[in-house]
Amino acid sequence: MQSDDDLFEVTNDEFGINIGGGAMGFMTDHVGFRGDLRYYRALTDPEEDNEFDIDFGDFDFWRATAGLTFRW
């Protein structure tokens, strides 16, 4: 059986941002739908010096989710 370490090799860790929003609406008193859309982007230091500067990295992706919501 493979472990997670065999699937991915992480060589660095950097900061990132995400921007998005979502909505939820109920069709009845107890059943509704929800959705969310987010954009993720890595932040990098463009120059390896001691100055504080940030730039957008090459890594980015969108993620959308949808679901059915119940309330009692």
C-alpha atoms as a PDB file:
ATOM      1  CA  MET A   1       0.000   0.000   0.000  1.00  0.00           C
ATOM      2  CA  GLN A   2       1.348   3.438  -0.931  1.00  0.00           C
ATOM      3  CA  SER A   3       1.556   6.292   1.520  1.00  0.00           C
ATOM      4  CA  ASP A   4       0.853   9.942   0.730  1.00  0.00           C
ATOM      5  CA  ASP A   5       4.607  10.638   0.796  1.00  0.00           C
ATOM      6  CA  ASP A   6       5.044   8.384  -2.242  1.00  0.00           C
ATOM      7  CA  LEU A   7       2.545  10.403  -4.306  1.00  0.00           C
ATOM      8  CA  PHE A   8       3.760  13.975  -3.765  1.00  0.00           C
ATOM      9  CA  GLU A   9       7.127  15.547  -3.104  1.00  0.00           C
ATOM     10  CA  VAL A  10       6.889  18.998  -1.528  1.00  0.00           C
ATOM     11  CA  THR A  11      10.054  21.025  -2.014  1.00  0.00           C
ATOM     12  CA  ASN A  12       8.852  24.407  -0.795  1.00  0.00           C
ATOM     13  CA  ASP A  13       6.030  26.153   0.984  1.00  0.00           C
ATOM     14  CA  GLU A  14       4.861  29.654   0.155  1.00  0.00           C
ATOM     15  CA  PHE A  15       2.068  32.011   1.078  1.00  0.00           C
ATOM     16  CA  GLY A  16      -1.015  32.327  -1.046  1.00  0.00           C
ATOM     17  CA  ILE A  17      -4.321  34.151  -1.305  1.00  0.00           C
ATOM     18  CA  ASN A  18      -7.839  33.138  -2.143  1.00  0.00           C
ATOM     19  CA  ILE A  19     -10.775  35.269  -3.224  1.00  0.00           C
ATOM     20  CA  GLY A  20     -14.307  34.065  -3.630  1.00  0.00           C
ATOM     21  CA  GLY A  21     -17.836  33.980  -2.454  1.00  0.00           C
ATOM     22  CA  GLY A  22     -20.898  31.866  -2.219  1.00  0.00           C
ATOM     23  CA  ALA A  23     -24.639  31.828  -1.904  1.00  0.00           C
ATOM     24  CA  MET A  24     -27.270  29.722  -0.218  1.00  0.00           C
ATOM     25  CA  GLY A  25     -30.986  29.591  -0.907  1.00  0.00           C
ATOM     26  CA  PHE A  26     -33.796  27.452   0.463  1.00  0.00           C
ATOM     27  CA  MET A  27     -36.482  25.950  -1.761  1.00  0.00           C
ATOM     28  CA  THR A  28     -38.567  24.806   1.233  1.00  0.00           C
ATOM     29  CA  ASP A  29     -38.363  25.395   4.980  1.00  0.00           C
ATOM     30  CA  HIS A  30     -35.921  22.499   5.348  1.00  0.00           C
ATOM     31  CA  VAL A  31     -34.149  21.925   2.011  1.00  0.00           C
ATOM     32  CA  GLY A  32     -31.894  24.275   0.098  1.00  0.00           C
ATOM     33  CA  PHE A  33     -28.909  24.582  -2.187  1.00  0.00           C
ATOM     34  CA  ARG A  34     -25.536  26.241  -1.744  1.00  0.00           C
ATOM     35  CA  GLY A  35     -22.653  27.119  -4.018  1.00  0.00           C
ATOM     36  CA  ASP A  36     -19.186  28.609  -3.686  1.00  0.00           C
ATOM     37  CA  LEU A  37     -16.578  29.788  -6.206  1.00  0.00           C
ATOM     38  CA  ARG A  38     -12.973  30.554  -5.197  1.00  0.00           C
ATOM     39  CA  TYR A  39      -9.764  31.596  -6.943  1.00  0.00           C
ATOM     40  CA  TYR A  40      -6.441  30.550  -5.379  1.00  0.00           C
ATOM     41  CA  ARG A  41      -3.088  32.155  -6.236  1.00  0.00           C
ATOM     42  CA  ALA A  42       0.440  31.646  -4.874  1.00  0.00           C
ATOM     43  CA  LEU A  43       2.534  34.578  -3.676  1.00  0.00           C
ATOM     44  CA  THR A  44       6.296  34.577  -4.179  1.00  0.00           C
ATOM     45  CA  ASP A  45       9.341  36.721  -3.535  1.00  0.00           C
ATOM     46  CA  PRO A  46      10.506  37.734  -7.042  1.00  0.00           C
ATOM     47  CA  GLU A  47      14.093  38.433  -5.973  1.00  0.00           C
ATOM     48  CA  GLU A  48      16.139  36.523  -3.412  1.00  0.00           C
ATOM     49  CA  ASP A  49      17.240  39.541  -1.375  1.00  0.00           C
ATOM     50  CA  ASN A  50      16.432  40.935   2.067  1.00  0.00           C
ATOM     51  CA  GLU A  51      13.792  43.389   0.817  1.00  0.00           C
ATOM     52  CA  PHE A  52      10.101  42.791   1.464  1.00  0.00           C
ATOM     53  CA  ASP A  53       8.515  42.430  -1.962  1.00  0.00           C
ATOM     54  CA  ILE A  54       5.690  40.170  -3.094  1.00  0.00           C
ATOM     55  CA  ASP A  55       4.598  39.077  -6.549  1.00  0.00           C
ATOM     56  CA  PHE A  56       2.045  36.618  -7.879  1.00  0.00           C
ATOM     57  CA  GLY A  57       3.455  33.140  -8.457  1.00  0.00           C
ATOM     58  CA  ASP A  58       2.769  30.764 -11.324  1.00  0.00           C
ATOM     59  CA  PHE A  59       0.548  28.423  -9.312  1.00  0.00           C
ATOM     60  CA  ASP A  60      -3.171  29.259  -9.492  1.00  0.00           C
ATOM     61  CA  PHE A  61      -6.512  27.477  -9.828  1.00  0.00           C
ATOM     62  CA  TRP A  62     -10.283  27.897  -9.494  1.00  0.00           C
ATOM     63  CA  ARG A  63     -12.478  25.714  -7.292  1.00  0.00           C
ATOM     64  CA  ALA A  64     -16.270  25.494  -7.389  1.00  0.00           C
ATOM     65  CA  THR A  65     -18.425  23.600  -4.937  1.00  0.00           C
ATOM     66  CA  ALA A  66     -22.148  22.944  -4.764  1.00  0.00           C
ATOM     67  CA  GLY A  67     -24.249  21.160  -2.234  1.00  0.00           C
ATOM     68  CA  LEU A  68     -27.613  20.286  -0.849  1.00  0.00           C
ATOM     69  CA  THR A  69     -28.409  21.821   2.551  1.00  0.00           C
ATOM     70  CA  PHE A  70     -30.793  20.546   5.226  1.00  0.00           C
ATOM     71  CA  ARG A  71     -31.994  22.393   8.309  1.00  0.00           C
ATOM     72  CA  TRP A  72     -34.246  21.150  11.062  1.00  0.00           C
END
